[in-house]
Full PDB file with SEQRES, HELIX, SHEET, SSBOND, CRYST1, ORIGX, SCALE, CONECT and MASTER records, all heavy atoms in Angstrom:
SEQRES   1 A   32  SER ALA GLU VAL LEU LEU ARG GLU ARG SER LEU THR SER          
SEQRES   2 A   32  TYR TYR ASP GLU VAL ALA LEU LYS GLY LEU GLN LEU ALA          
SEQRES   3 A   32  ALA ASN ASP ALA GLY ARG                                      
HELIX    1 AA1 ALA A    2  LEU A    5  1                                   4    
HELIX    2 AA2 LEU A   11  TYR A   14  1                                   4    
HELIX    3 AA3 TYR A   15  ALA A   19  3                                   5    
HELIX    4 AA4 LEU A   20  GLY A   31  1                                  12    
CRYST1    1.000    1.000    1.000  90.00  90.00  90.00 P 1           1          
ORIGX1      1.000000  0.000000  0.000000        0.00000                         
ORIGX2      0.000000  1.000000  0.000000        0.00000                         
ORIGX3      0.000000  0.000000  1.000000        0.00000                         
SCALE1      1.000000  0.000000  0.000000        0.00000                         
SCALE2      0.000000  1.000000  0.000000        0.00000                         
SCALE3      0.000000  0.000000  1.000000        0.00000                         
ATOM      1  N   SER A   1     107.217  96.184 129.214  1.00  0.00           N  
ATOM      2  CA  SER A   1     107.812  97.327 128.535  1.00  0.00           C  
ATOM      3  C   SER A   1     109.325  97.175 128.426  1.00  0.00           C  
ATOM      4  O   SER A   1     109.928  97.528 127.397  1.00  0.00           O  
ATOM      5  CB  SER A   1     107.462  98.614 129.291  1.00  0.00           C  
ATOM      6  OG  SER A   1     108.095  99.730 128.715  1.00  0.00           O  
ATOM      7  N   ALA A   2     109.964  96.656 129.465  1.00  0.00           N  
ATOM      8  CA  ALA A   2     111.418  96.460 129.428  1.00  0.00           C  
ATOM      9  C   ALA A   2     111.815  95.446 128.363  1.00  0.00           C  
ATOM     10  O   ALA A   2     112.807  95.631 127.642  1.00  0.00           O  
ATOM     11  CB  ALA A   2     111.913  96.013 130.803  1.00  0.00           C  
ATOM     12  N   GLU A   3     111.055  94.374 128.235  1.00  0.00           N  
ATOM     13  CA  GLU A   3     111.380  93.362 127.228  1.00  0.00           C  
ATOM     14  C   GLU A   3     111.245  93.913 125.815  1.00  0.00           C  
ATOM     15  O   GLU A   3     112.017  93.544 124.922  1.00  0.00           O  
ATOM     16  CB  GLU A   3     110.477  92.138 127.419  1.00  0.00           C  
ATOM     17  CG  GLU A   3     110.796  91.345 128.687  1.00  0.00           C  
ATOM     18  CD  GLU A   3     109.836  90.194 128.891  1.00  0.00           C  
ATOM     19  OE1 GLU A   3     108.774  90.188 128.225  1.00  0.00           O  
ATOM     20  OE2 GLU A   3     110.130  89.301 129.709  1.00  0.00           O  
ATOM     21  N   VAL A   4     110.286  94.807 125.609  1.00  0.00           N  
ATOM     22  CA  VAL A   4     110.155  95.437 124.288  1.00  0.00           C  
ATOM     23  C   VAL A   4     111.367  96.314 123.997  1.00  0.00           C  
ATOM     24  O   VAL A   4     111.934  96.292 122.890  1.00  0.00           O  
ATOM     25  CB  VAL A   4     108.849  96.250 124.219  1.00  0.00           C  
ATOM     26  CG1 VAL A   4     108.789  97.063 122.929  1.00  0.00           C  
ATOM     27  CG2 VAL A   4     107.639  95.325 124.304  1.00  0.00           C  
ATOM     28  N   LEU A   5     111.804  97.093 124.982  1.00  0.00           N  
ATOM     29  CA  LEU A   5     112.953  97.972 124.781  1.00  0.00           C  
ATOM     30  C   LEU A   5     114.249  97.192 124.644  1.00  0.00           C  
ATOM     31  O   LEU A   5     115.165  97.619 123.924  1.00  0.00           O  
ATOM     32  CB  LEU A   5     113.059  98.955 125.948  1.00  0.00           C  
ATOM     33  CG  LEU A   5     111.918  99.974 126.071  1.00  0.00           C  
ATOM     34  CD1 LEU A   5     112.060 100.774 127.360  1.00  0.00           C  
ATOM     35  CD2 LEU A   5     111.901 100.913 124.876  1.00  0.00           C  
ATOM     36  N   LEU A   6     114.357  96.047 125.293  1.00  0.00           N  
ATOM     37  CA  LEU A   6     115.583  95.261 125.225  1.00  0.00           C  
ATOM     38  C   LEU A   6     115.766  94.581 123.877  1.00  0.00           C  
ATOM     39  O   LEU A   6     116.836  94.012 123.621  1.00  0.00           O  
ATOM     40  CB  LEU A   6     115.587  94.209 126.335  1.00  0.00           C  
ATOM     41  CG  LEU A   6     115.870  94.756 127.737  1.00  0.00           C  
ATOM     42  CD1 LEU A   6     115.621  93.692 128.793  1.00  0.00           C  
ATOM     43  CD2 LEU A   6     117.293  95.281 127.833  1.00  0.00           C  
ATOM     44  N   ARG A   7     114.760  94.615 123.019  1.00  0.00           N  
ATOM     45  CA  ARG A   7     114.945  94.112 121.659  1.00  0.00           C  
ATOM     46  C   ARG A   7     115.818  95.034 120.828  1.00  0.00           C  
ATOM     47  O   ARG A   7     116.337  94.623 119.786  1.00  0.00           O  
ATOM     48  CB  ARG A   7     113.589  93.947 120.974  1.00  0.00           C  
ATOM     49  CG  ARG A   7     112.654  92.951 121.647  1.00  0.00           C  
ATOM     50  CD  ARG A   7     111.284  92.998 121.009  1.00  0.00           C  
ATOM     51  NE  ARG A   7     110.319  92.180 121.742  1.00  0.00           N  
ATOM     52  CZ  ARG A   7     109.009  92.190 121.514  1.00  0.00           C  
ATOM     53  NH1 ARG A   7     108.515  92.972 120.556  1.00  0.00           N  
ATOM     54  NH2 ARG A   7     108.198  91.438 122.219  1.00  0.00           N  
ATOM     55  N   GLU A   8     115.985  96.269 121.276  1.00  0.00           N  
ATOM     56  CA  GLU A   8     116.736  97.252 120.501  1.00  0.00           C  
ATOM     57  C   GLU A   8     117.971  97.765 121.223  1.00  0.00           C  
ATOM     58  O   GLU A   8     118.688  98.601 120.683  1.00  0.00           O  
ATOM     59  CB  GLU A   8     115.833  98.445 120.159  1.00  0.00           C  
ATOM     60  CG  GLU A   8     114.581  98.064 119.392  1.00  0.00           C  
ATOM     61  CD  GLU A   8     113.674  99.252 119.175  1.00  0.00           C  
ATOM     62  OE1 GLU A   8     113.970 100.336 119.727  1.00  0.00           O  
ATOM     63  OE2 GLU A   8     112.678  99.100 118.454  1.00  0.00           O  
ATOM     64  N   ARG A   9     118.222  97.317 122.449  1.00  0.00           N  
ATOM     65  CA  ARG A   9     119.370  97.820 123.198  1.00  0.00           C  
ATOM     66  C   ARG A   9     119.832  96.761 124.180  1.00  0.00           C  
ATOM     67  O   ARG A   9     119.112  95.784 124.460  1.00  0.00           O  
ATOM     68  CB  ARG A   9     119.005  99.106 123.931  1.00  0.00           C  
ATOM     69  CG  ARG A   9     117.969  98.941 125.033  1.00  0.00           C  
ATOM     70  CD  ARG A   9     117.435 100.281 125.475  1.00  0.00           C  
ATOM     71  NE  ARG A   9     116.506 100.810 124.487  1.00  0.00           N  
ATOM     72  CZ  ARG A   9     116.107 102.075 124.445  1.00  0.00           C  
ATOM     73  NH1 ARG A   9     116.591 102.937 125.311  1.00  0.00           N  
ATOM     74  NH2 ARG A   9     115.248 102.480 123.532  1.00  0.00           N  
ATOM     75  N   SER A  10     121.024  96.944 124.702  1.00  0.00           N  
ATOM     76  CA  SER A  10     121.568  96.010 125.677  1.00  0.00           C  
ATOM     77  C   SER A  10     120.974  96.285 127.057  1.00  0.00           C  
ATOM     78  O   SER A  10     120.323  97.310 127.287  1.00  0.00           O  
ATOM     79  CB  SER A  10     123.093  96.134 125.731  1.00  0.00           C  
ATOM     80  OG  SER A  10     123.453  97.437 126.177  1.00  0.00           O  
ATOM     81  N   LEU A  11     121.222  95.362 127.970  1.00  0.00           N  
ATOM     82  CA  LEU A  11     120.717  95.536 129.331  1.00  0.00           C  
ATOM     83  C   LEU A  11     121.372  96.747 129.992  1.00  0.00           C  
ATOM     84  O   LEU A  11     120.722  97.496 130.738  1.00  0.00           O  
ATOM     85  CB  LEU A  11     120.976  94.264 130.140  1.00  0.00           C  
ATOM     86  CG  LEU A  11     120.451  94.258 131.582  1.00  0.00           C  
ATOM     87  CD1 LEU A  11     118.937  94.404 131.596  1.00  0.00           C  
ATOM     88  CD2 LEU A  11     120.877  92.978 132.299  1.00  0.00           C  
ATOM     89  N   THR A  12     122.669  96.966 129.723  1.00  0.00           N  
ATOM     90  CA  THR A  12     123.347  98.137 130.283  1.00  0.00           C  
ATOM     91  C   THR A  12     122.705  99.426 129.792  1.00  0.00           C  
ATOM     92  O   THR A  12     122.478 100.362 130.567  1.00  0.00           O  
ATOM     93  CB  THR A  12     124.830  98.115 129.895  1.00  0.00           C  
ATOM     94  OG1 THR A  12     125.391  96.862 130.278  1.00  0.00           O  
ATOM     95  CG2 THR A  12     125.583  99.234 130.567  1.00  0.00           C  
ATOM     96  N   SER A  13     122.410  99.484 128.480  1.00  0.00           N  
ATOM     97  CA  SER A  13     121.775 100.686 127.928  1.00  0.00           C  
ATOM     98  C   SER A  13     120.388 100.892 128.521  1.00  0.00           C  
ATOM     99  O   SER A  13     119.988 102.035 128.795  1.00  0.00           O  
ATOM    100  CB  SER A  13     121.688 100.578 126.403  1.00  0.00           C  
ATOM    101  OG  SER A  13     122.968 100.481 125.831  1.00  0.00           O  
ATOM    102  N   TYR A  14     119.658  99.806 128.729  1.00  0.00           N  
ATOM    103  CA  TYR A  14     118.323  99.952 129.325  1.00  0.00           C  
ATOM    104  C   TYR A  14     118.422 100.504 130.745  1.00  0.00           C  
ATOM    105  O   TYR A  14     117.666 101.416 131.115  1.00  0.00           O  
ATOM    106  CB  TYR A  14     117.603  98.611 129.328  1.00  0.00           C  
ATOM    107  CG  TYR A  14     116.297  98.653 130.097  1.00  0.00           C  
ATOM    108  CD1 TYR A  14     115.166  99.251 129.549  1.00  0.00           C  
ATOM    109  CD2 TYR A  14     116.211  98.126 131.382  1.00  0.00           C  
ATOM    110  CE1 TYR A  14     113.980  99.317 130.260  1.00  0.00           C  
ATOM    111  CE2 TYR A  14     115.031  98.183 132.096  1.00  0.00           C  
ATOM    112  CZ  TYR A  14     113.910  98.783 131.528  1.00  0.00           C  
ATOM    113  OH  TYR A  14     112.747  98.860 132.246  1.00  0.00           O  
ATOM    114  N   TYR A  15     119.338  99.981 131.534  1.00  0.00           N  
ATOM    115  CA  TYR A  15     119.483 100.490 132.896  1.00  0.00           C  
ATOM    116  C   TYR A  15     119.916 101.962 132.899  1.00  0.00           C  
ATOM    117  O   TYR A  15     119.413 102.774 133.685  1.00  0.00           O  
ATOM    118  CB  TYR A  15     120.503  99.642 133.656  1.00  0.00           C  
ATOM    119  CG  TYR A  15     119.944  98.346 134.206  1.00  0.00           C  
ATOM    120  CD1 TYR A  15     120.776  97.264 134.486  1.00  0.00           C  
ATOM    121  CD2 TYR A  15     118.589  98.198 134.459  1.00  0.00           C  
ATOM    122  CE1 TYR A  15     120.272  96.076 134.992  1.00  0.00           C  
ATOM    123  CE2 TYR A  15     118.071  97.020 134.958  1.00  0.00           C  
ATOM    124  CZ  TYR A  15     118.926  95.957 135.227  1.00  0.00           C  
ATOM    125  OH  TYR A  15     118.402  94.794 135.731  1.00  0.00           O  
ATOM    126  N   ASP A  16     120.881 102.312 132.023  1.00  0.00           N  
ATOM    127  CA  ASP A  16     121.371 103.692 131.994  1.00  0.00           C  
ATOM    128  C   ASP A  16     120.331 104.666 131.459  1.00  0.00           C  
ATOM    129  O   ASP A  16     120.142 105.759 132.005  1.00  0.00           O  
ATOM    130  CB  ASP A  16     122.636 103.777 131.128  1.00  0.00           C  
ATOM    131  CG  ASP A  16     123.887 103.392 131.899  1.00  0.00           C  
ATOM    132  OD1 ASP A  16     123.887 103.575 133.129  1.00  0.00           O  
ATOM    133  OD2 ASP A  16     124.845 102.904 131.283  1.00  0.00           O  
ATOM    134  N   GLU A  17     119.654 104.307 130.361  1.00  0.00           N  
ATOM    135  CA  GLU A  17     118.789 105.244 129.663  1.00  0.00           C  
ATOM    136  C   GLU A  17     117.354 105.256 130.175  1.00  0.00           C  
ATOM    137  O   GLU A  17     116.646 106.246 129.983  1.00  0.00           O  
ATOM    138  CB  GLU A  17     118.773 104.915 128.162  1.00  0.00           C  
ATOM    139  CG  GLU A  17     120.144 104.998 127.512  1.00  0.00           C  
ATOM    140  CD  GLU A  17     120.159 104.392 126.129  1.00  0.00           C  
ATOM    141  OE1 GLU A  17     119.069 104.042 125.626  1.00  0.00           O  
ATOM    142  OE2 GLU A  17     121.253 104.270 125.534  1.00  0.00           O  
ATOM    143  N   VAL A  18     116.926 104.170 130.798  1.00  0.00           N  
ATOM    144  CA  VAL A  18     115.523 104.069 131.209  1.00  0.00           C  
ATOM    145  C   VAL A  18     115.390 103.896 132.715  1.00  0.00           C  
ATOM    146  O   VAL A  18     114.767 104.718 133.400  1.00  0.00           O  
ATOM    147  CB  VAL A  18     114.822 102.906 130.465  1.00  0.00           C  
ATOM    148  CG1 VAL A  18     113.355 102.810 130.893  1.00  0.00           C  
ATOM    149  CG2 VAL A  18     114.923 103.088 128.960  1.00  0.00           C  
ATOM    150  N   ALA A  19     115.969 102.827 133.246  1.00  0.00           N  
ATOM    151  CA  ALA A  19     115.729 102.485 134.651  1.00  0.00           C  
ATOM    152  C   ALA A  19     116.287 103.553 135.592  1.00  0.00           C  
ATOM    153  O   ALA A  19     115.603 103.996 136.525  1.00  0.00           O  
ATOM    154  CB  ALA A  19     116.335 101.116 134.965  1.00  0.00           C  
ATOM    155  N   LEU A  20     117.541 103.983 135.369  1.00  0.00           N  
ATOM    156  CA  LEU A  20     118.114 104.996 136.258  1.00  0.00           C  
ATOM    157  C   LEU A  20     117.377 106.326 136.153  1.00  0.00           C  
ATOM    158  O   LEU A  20     117.182 107.016 137.162  1.00  0.00           O  
ATOM    159  CB  LEU A  20     119.596 105.195 135.933  1.00  0.00           C  
ATOM    160  CG  LEU A  20     120.566 104.156 136.488  1.00  0.00           C  
ATOM    161  CD1 LEU A  20     122.000 104.531 136.147  1.00  0.00           C  
ATOM    162  CD2 LEU A  20     120.405 103.999 137.993  1.00  0.00           C  
ATOM    163  N   LYS A  21     116.963 106.686 134.941  1.00  0.00           N  
ATOM    164  CA  LYS A  21     116.218 107.943 134.787  1.00  0.00           C  
ATOM    165  C   LYS A  21     114.851 107.860 135.461  1.00  0.00           C  
ATOM    166  O   LYS A  21     114.357 108.838 136.032  1.00  0.00           O  
ATOM    167  CB  LYS A  21     116.076 108.282 133.308  1.00  0.00           C  
ATOM    168  CG  LYS A  21     117.403 108.596 132.637  1.00  0.00           C  
ATOM    169  CD  LYS A  21     117.212 109.046 131.208  1.00  0.00           C  
ATOM    170  CE  LYS A  21     118.551 109.293 130.535  1.00  0.00           C  
ATOM    171  NZ  LYS A  21     119.344 110.329 131.204  1.00  0.00           N  
ATOM    172  N   GLY A  22     114.214 106.674 135.394  1.00  0.00           N  
ATOM    173  CA  GLY A  22     112.959 106.504 136.123  1.00  0.00           C  
ATOM    174  C   GLY A  22     113.158 106.592 137.621  1.00  0.00           C  
ATOM    175  O   GLY A  22     112.338 107.190 138.338  1.00  0.00           O  
ATOM    176  N   LEU A  23     114.258 106.019 138.116  1.00  0.00           N  
ATOM    177  CA  LEU A  23     114.562 106.128 139.545  1.00  0.00           C  
ATOM    178  C   LEU A  23     114.868 107.571 139.938  1.00  0.00           C  
ATOM    179  O   LEU A  23     114.537 108.004 141.047  1.00  0.00           O  
ATOM    180  CB  LEU A  23     115.748 105.225 139.885  1.00  0.00           C  
ATOM    181  CG  LEU A  23     115.463 103.721 139.966  1.00  0.00           C  
ATOM    182  CD1 LEU A  23     116.740 102.962 140.241  1.00  0.00           C  
ATOM    183  CD2 LEU A  23     114.427 103.412 141.045  1.00  0.00           C  
ATOM    184  N   GLN A  24     115.509 108.316 139.038  1.00  0.00           N  
ATOM    185  CA  GLN A  24     115.773 109.726 139.334  1.00  0.00           C  
ATOM    186  C   GLN A  24     114.486 110.525 139.466  1.00  0.00           C  
ATOM    187  O   GLN A  24     114.373 111.399 140.334  1.00  0.00           O  
ATOM    188  CB  GLN A  24     116.652 110.325 138.233  1.00  0.00           C  
ATOM    189  CG  GLN A  24     118.094 109.856 138.280  1.00  0.00           C  
ATOM    190  CD  GLN A  24     118.892 110.333 137.081  1.00  0.00           C  
ATOM    191  OE1 GLN A  24     118.442 111.174 136.329  1.00  0.00           O  
ATOM    192  NE2 GLN A  24     120.080 109.763 136.905  1.00  0.00           N  
ATOM    193  N   LEU A  25     113.504 110.230 138.627  1.00  0.00           N  
ATOM    194  CA  LEU A  25     112.203 110.899 138.759  1.00  0.00           C  
ATOM    195  C   LEU A  25     111.583 110.595 140.120  1.00  0.00           C  
ATOM    196  O   LEU A  25     111.047 111.483 140.789  1.00  0.00           O  
ATOM    197  CB  LEU A  25     111.273 110.457 137.634  1.00  0.00           C  
ATOM    198  CG  LEU A  25     111.658 110.865 136.212  1.00  0.00           C  
ATOM    199  CD1 LEU A  25     110.703 110.233 135.201  1.00  0.00           C  
ATOM    200  CD2 LEU A  25     111.639 112.378 136.066  1.00  0.00           C  
ATOM    201  N   ALA A  26     111.663 109.319 140.509  1.00  0.00           N  
ATOM    202  CA  ALA A  26     111.112 108.941 141.816  1.00  0.00           C  
ATOM    203  C   ALA A  26     111.898 109.595 142.950  1.00  0.00           C  
ATOM    204  O   ALA A  26     111.312 110.064 143.941  1.00  0.00           O  
ATOM    205  CB  ALA A  26     111.123 107.422 141.958  1.00  0.00           C  
ATOM    206  N   ALA A  27     113.246 109.644 142.833  1.00  0.00           N  
ATOM    207  CA  ALA A  27     114.054 110.245 143.887  1.00  0.00           C  
ATOM    208  C   ALA A  27     113.791 111.749 144.009  1.00  0.00           C  
ATOM    209  O   ALA A  27     113.748 112.294 145.121  1.00  0.00           O  
ATOM    210  CB  ALA A  27     115.538 109.992 143.606  1.00  0.00           C  
ATOM    211  N   ASN A  28     113.583 112.416 142.871  1.00  0.00           N  
ATOM    212  CA  ASN A  28     113.265 113.847 142.920  1.00  0.00           C  
ATOM    213  C   ASN A  28     111.934 114.103 143.618  1.00  0.00           C  
ATOM    214  O   ASN A  28     111.807 115.027 144.435  1.00  0.00           O  
ATOM    215  CB  ASN A  28     113.235 114.417 141.504  1.00  0.00           C  
ATOM    216  CG  ASN A  28     114.602 114.409 140.850  1.00  0.00           C  
ATOM    217  OD1 ASN A  28     115.619 114.385 141.534  1.00  0.00           O  
ATOM    218  ND2 ASN A  28     114.631 114.405 139.528  1.00  0.00           N  
ATOM    219  N   ASP A  29     110.930 113.270 143.289  1.00  0.00           N  
ATOM    220  CA  ASP A  29     109.635 113.434 143.957  1.00  0.00           C  
ATOM    221  C   ASP A  29     109.727 113.101 145.439  1.00  0.00           C  
ATOM    222  O   ASP A  29     109.071 113.748 146.273  1.00  0.00           O  
ATOM    223  CB  ASP A  29     108.583 112.547 143.275  1.00  0.00           C  
ATOM    224  CG  ASP A  29     108.160 113.090 141.929  1.00  0.00           C  
ATOM    225  OD1 ASP A  29     108.499 114.245 141.629  1.00  0.00           O  
ATOM    226  OD2 ASP A  29     107.502 112.359 141.158  1.00  0.00           O  
ATOM    227  N   ALA A  30     110.530 112.104 145.768  1.00  0.00           N  
ATOM    228  CA  ALA A  30     110.691 111.773 147.190  1.00  0.00           C  
ATOM    229  C   ALA A  30     111.402 112.902 147.924  1.00  0.00           C  
ATOM    230  O   ALA A  30     111.069 113.224 149.076  1.00  0.00           O  
ATOM    231  CB  ALA A  30     111.476 110.468 147.327  1.00  0.00           C  
ATOM    232  N   GLY A  31     112.383 113.534 147.283  1.00  0.00           N  
ATOM    233  CA  GLY A  31     113.069 114.650 147.910  1.00  0.00           C  
ATOM    234  C   GLY A  31     112.178 115.855 148.116  1.00  0.00           C  
ATOM    235  O   GLY A  31     112.366 116.618 149.082  1.00  0.00           O  
ATOM    236  N   ARG A  32     111.208 116.055 147.223  1.00  0.00           N  
ATOM    237  CA  ARG A  32     110.270 117.171 147.371  1.00  0.00           C  
ATOM    238  C   ARG A  32     109.131 116.848 148.321  1.00  0.00           C  
ATOM    239  O   ARG A  32     108.270 117.689 148.567  1.00  0.00           O  
ATOM    240  CB  ARG A  32     109.692 117.554 146.014  1.00  0.00           C  
ATOM    241  CG  ARG A  32     110.726 118.112 145.052  1.00  0.00           C  
ATOM    242  CD  ARG A  32     110.101 118.625 143.764  1.00  0.00           C  
ATOM    243  NE  ARG A  32     109.445 117.576 142.996  1.00  0.00           N  
ATOM    244  CZ  ARG A  32     108.144 117.529 142.754  1.00  0.00           C  
ATOM    245  NH1 ARG A  32     107.344 118.448 143.259  1.00  0.00           N  
ATOM    246  NH2 ARG A  32     107.634 116.551 142.025  1.00  0.00           N  
TER     247      ARG A  32                                                      
MASTER        0    0    0    4    0    0    0    6  246    1    0    3          
END                                                                             
């Protein structure tokens, strides 16, 4: 999935827009 998204954006954009937001979802669930 990451390789598909990286065809349209830079690695920085992928980390900011996808990876960090996915980690935030996990961190919120871990906090709850």
